[in-house]
Structure formats: C-alpha cells, structure tokens
C-alpha atoms as a PDB file:
ATOM      1  CA  MET A   1     204.478 165.774  51.655  1.00  0.00           C
ATOM      2  CA  THR A   2     201.354 167.848  52.536  1.00  0.00           C
ATOM      3  CA  HIS A   3     201.818 172.003  51.572  1.00  0.00           C
ATOM      4  CA  GLU A   4     200.860 173.954  54.704  1.00  0.00           C
ATOM      5  CA  MET A   5     200.424 177.577  55.824  1.00  0.00           C
ATOM      6  CA  MET A   6     200.495 179.589  58.804  1.00  0.00           C
ATOM      7  CA  VAL A   7     198.353 182.239  58.762  1.00  0.00           C
ATOM      8  CA  GLY A   8     197.378 185.067  61.383  1.00  0.00           C
ATOM      9  CA  LEU A   9     193.464 187.011  60.615  1.00  0.00           C
ATOM     10  CA  HIS A  10     192.264 189.899  62.194  1.00  0.00           C
ATOM     11  CA  VAL A  11     188.071 188.402  62.466  1.00  0.00           C
ATOM     12  CA  THR A  12     185.584 191.335  63.236  1.00  0.00           C
ATOM     13  CA  ASP A  13     182.367 189.067  62.939  1.00  0.00           C
ATOM     14  CA  ASP A  14     183.034 186.216  64.635  1.00  0.00           C
ATOM     15  CA  ASP A  15     179.446 184.376  63.872  1.00  0.00           C
ATOM     16  CA  THR A  16     180.001 185.306  60.168  1.00  0.00           C
ATOM     17  CA  TYR A  17     183.829 183.987  60.535  1.00  0.00           C
ATOM     18  CA  ARG A  18     181.996 180.833  61.985  1.00  0.00           C
ATOM     19  CA  GLN A  19     179.847 180.896  58.959  1.00  0.00           C
ATOM     20  CA  TYR A  20     182.273 180.946  56.679  1.00  0.00           C
ATOM     21  CA  ARG A  21     184.364 177.903  58.049  1.00  0.00           C
ATOM     22  CA  GLU A  22     181.247 175.476  58.033  1.00  0.00           C
ATOM     23  CA  ALA A  23     180.707 176.398  54.414  1.00  0.00           C
ATOM     24  CA  MET A  24     184.146 176.018  52.856  1.00  0.00           C
ATOM     25  CA  ALA A  25     185.033 172.940  55.572  1.00  0.00           C
ATOM     26  CA  PRO A  26     183.692 170.441  52.819  1.00  0.00           C
ATOM     27  CA  LEU A  27     185.011 171.730  50.062  1.00  0.00           C
ATOM     28  CA  LEU A  28     188.319 171.725  51.857  1.00  0.00           C
ATOM     29  CA  ALA A  29     188.362 168.398  52.380  1.00  0.00           C
ATOM     30  CA  GLU A  30     187.695 167.583  48.742  1.00  0.00           C
ATOM     31  CA  HIS A  31     190.712 169.070  48.027  1.00  0.00           C
ATOM     32  CA  GLY A  32     192.769 167.084  50.386  1.00  0.00           C
ATOM     33  CA  GLY A  33     192.988 170.323  53.036  1.00  0.00           C
ATOM     34  CA  GLY A  34     192.152 170.910  56.925  1.00  0.00           C
ATOM     35  CA  PHE A  35     193.061 172.611  59.575  1.00  0.00           C
ATOM     36  CA  ARG A  36     196.316 171.377  62.035  1.00  0.00           C
ATOM     37  CA  TYR A  37     195.783 174.354  64.271  1.00  0.00           C
ATOM     38  CA  ASP A  38     193.876 176.942  64.950  1.00  0.00           C
ATOM     39  CA  PHE A  39     193.683 179.568  68.108  1.00  0.00           C
ATOM     40  CA  VAL A  40     191.724 182.147  68.788  1.00  0.00           C
ATOM     41  CA  VAL A  41     194.536 185.004  70.327  1.00  0.00           C
ATOM     42  CA  GLY A  42     193.355 186.822  73.758  1.00  0.00           C
ATOM     43  CA  LYS A  43     196.881 188.926  73.335  1.00  0.00           C
ATOM     44  CA  VAL A  44     199.859 189.680  71.063  1.00  0.00           C
ATOM     45  CA  LEU A  45     203.129 190.377  72.509  1.00  0.00           C
ATOM     46  CA  LYS A  46     204.758 191.160  68.857  1.00  0.00           C
ATOM     47  CA  SER A  47     203.729 191.550  65.752  1.00  0.00           C
ATOM     48  CA  ALA A  48     205.314 192.055  62.331  1.00  0.00           C
ATOM     49  CA  SER A  49     201.538 193.388  61.144  1.00  0.00           C
ATOM     50  CA  GLU A  50     200.381 196.587  60.637  1.00  0.00           C
ATOM     51  CA  HIS A  51     196.232 195.185  61.608  1.00  0.00           C
ATOM     52  CA  PRO A  52     195.170 193.344  64.819  1.00  0.00           C
ATOM     53  CA  ILE A  53     195.862 189.758  65.059  1.00  0.00           C
ATOM     54  CA  ASN A  54     193.176 188.194  67.101  1.00  0.00           C
ATOM     55  CA  ARG A  55     193.061 184.454  64.848  1.00  0.00           C
ATOM     56  CA  VAL A  56     195.521 182.159  64.221  1.00  0.00           C
ATOM     57  CA  PHE A  57     195.609 178.772  62.505  1.00  0.00           C
ATOM     58  CA  ALA A  58     197.481 176.384  60.025  1.00  0.00           C
ATOM     59  CA  ILE A  59     195.986 174.781  57.426  1.00  0.00           C
ATOM     60  CA  TYR A  60     197.150 172.086  55.019  1.00  0.00           C
ATOM     61  CA  PHE A  61     196.500 170.687  51.292  1.00  0.00           C
ATOM     62  CA  GLU A  62     197.824 167.412  50.099  1.00  0.00           C
ATOM     63  CA  SER A  63     200.246 169.659  47.794  1.00  0.00           C
ATOM     64  CA  SER A  64     200.432 173.321  46.448  1.00  0.00           C
ATOM     65  CA  VAL A  65     198.520 172.762  43.466  1.00  0.00           C
ATOM     66  CA  ARG A  66     195.388 171.466  45.152  1.00  0.00           C
ATOM     67  CA  LYS A  67     195.862 174.483  47.683  1.00  0.00           C
ATOM     68  CA  ASP A  68     196.140 176.672  44.661  1.00  0.00           C
ATOM     69  CA  ALA A  69     193.264 174.555  43.419  1.00  0.00           C
ATOM     70  CA  PHE A  70     191.134 175.309  45.731  1.00  0.00           C
ATOM     71  CA  PHE A  71     191.949 179.188  46.628  1.00  0.00           C
ATOM     72  CA  ALA A  72     190.444 179.083  42.447  1.00  0.00           C
ATOM     73  CA  HIS A  73     187.292 177.489  43.239  1.00  0.00           C
ATOM     74  CA  PRO A  74     184.460 179.289  41.875  1.00  0.00           C
ATOM     75  CA  ASP A  75     182.833 177.664  44.721  1.00  0.00           C
ATOM     76  CA  TYR A  76     185.189 178.808  47.409  1.00  0.00           C
ATOM     77  CA  LEU A  77     185.656 182.036  45.989  1.00  0.00           C
ATOM     78  CA  ALA A  78     181.726 182.107  46.248  1.00  0.00           C
ATOM     79  CA  ILE A  79     181.519 181.352  49.603  1.00  0.00           C
ATOM     80  CA  LYS A  80     184.563 183.757  50.462  1.00  0.00           C
ATOM     81  CA  ALA A  81     182.404 186.553  48.855  1.00  0.00           C
ATOM     82  CA  ARG A  82     179.566 185.705  51.052  1.00  0.00           C
ATOM     83  CA  PHE A  83     181.069 184.949  54.162  1.00  0.00           C
ATOM     84  CA  PHE A  84     184.796 186.095  54.963  1.00  0.00           C
ATOM     85  CA  GLN A  85     184.742 189.520  52.994  1.00  0.00           C
ATOM     86  CA  ARG A  86     182.246 190.392  55.767  1.00  0.00           C
ATOM     87  CA  SER A  87     184.263 188.838  58.653  1.00  0.00           C
ATOM     88  CA  VAL A  88     187.831 188.808  58.064  1.00  0.00           C
ATOM     89  CA  ALA A  89     189.400 192.948  58.217  1.00  0.00           C
ATOM     90  CA  ASP A  90     193.229 191.449  57.617  1.00  0.00           C
ATOM     91  CA  THR A  91     195.333 188.468  56.891  1.00  0.00           C
ATOM     92  CA  THR A  92     198.591 187.881  57.313  1.00  0.00           C
ATOM     93  CA  ILE A  93     200.322 184.415  55.753  1.00  0.00           C
ATOM     94  CA  PHE A  94     203.445 183.895  58.296  1.00  0.00           C
ATOM     95  CA  GLY A  95     204.467 181.143  55.956  1.00  0.00           C
ATOM     96  CA  ALA A  96     204.367 178.409  53.699  1.00  0.00           C
ATOM     97  CA  TYR A  97     206.213 175.435  54.297  1.00  0.00           C
ATOM     98  CA  GLU A  98     206.294 171.588  52.857  1.00  0.00           C
ATOM     99  CA  ARG A  99     206.025 169.182  55.946  1.00  0.00           C
END
C-alpha cells in the first residue's frame, strides 16, 4: 500500500523550481517515491487557501515511514534550502491517503 499526498504550490520562480525537482528526484526515488501527477495550473476557480496556487501534484512513497524519512533526510533539507525556499512562496497539502 502506497502513501500519497496531493499538494498545491505557489511557485514564484519556475527555473529554480525545475532545478529543485531535478536535484531531489534521485533521492526521492531512493526513498521509494515519485510523482503520479503534476500540473501547471492556469486558472483556479475555487480555493480555500489564502495564497495563489499555480502548481498541483500527487507525490507517492512506499509508506508514510519512507515519506517521513525522505523529508527529514539531510540531503533533502539541503536541496530544499538551496532551491525550494527560493522558488516556492506557499504550500497547501490538500490531503494524504493510503492507496
């Protein structure tokens, strides 16, 4: 059973965000994870978030334990500090579930 999350972002720098995704992809795969869906959003009709959302994706892991290990990993935290924090203004977790 996989653990999945639906996430919305307000990406403010597409190039730096692309670098983030490229840098974190090998580590994500090592933790049994990947992206099931990934969308650039052109128009939001309704949102409960207080910030804009222009990117939506489904990310999965083999388990919630693997997810937690990935997001706490020192290499991921360095990648996040270098790229994610410079390119994403806000994050919304729509939900998490077991599939």
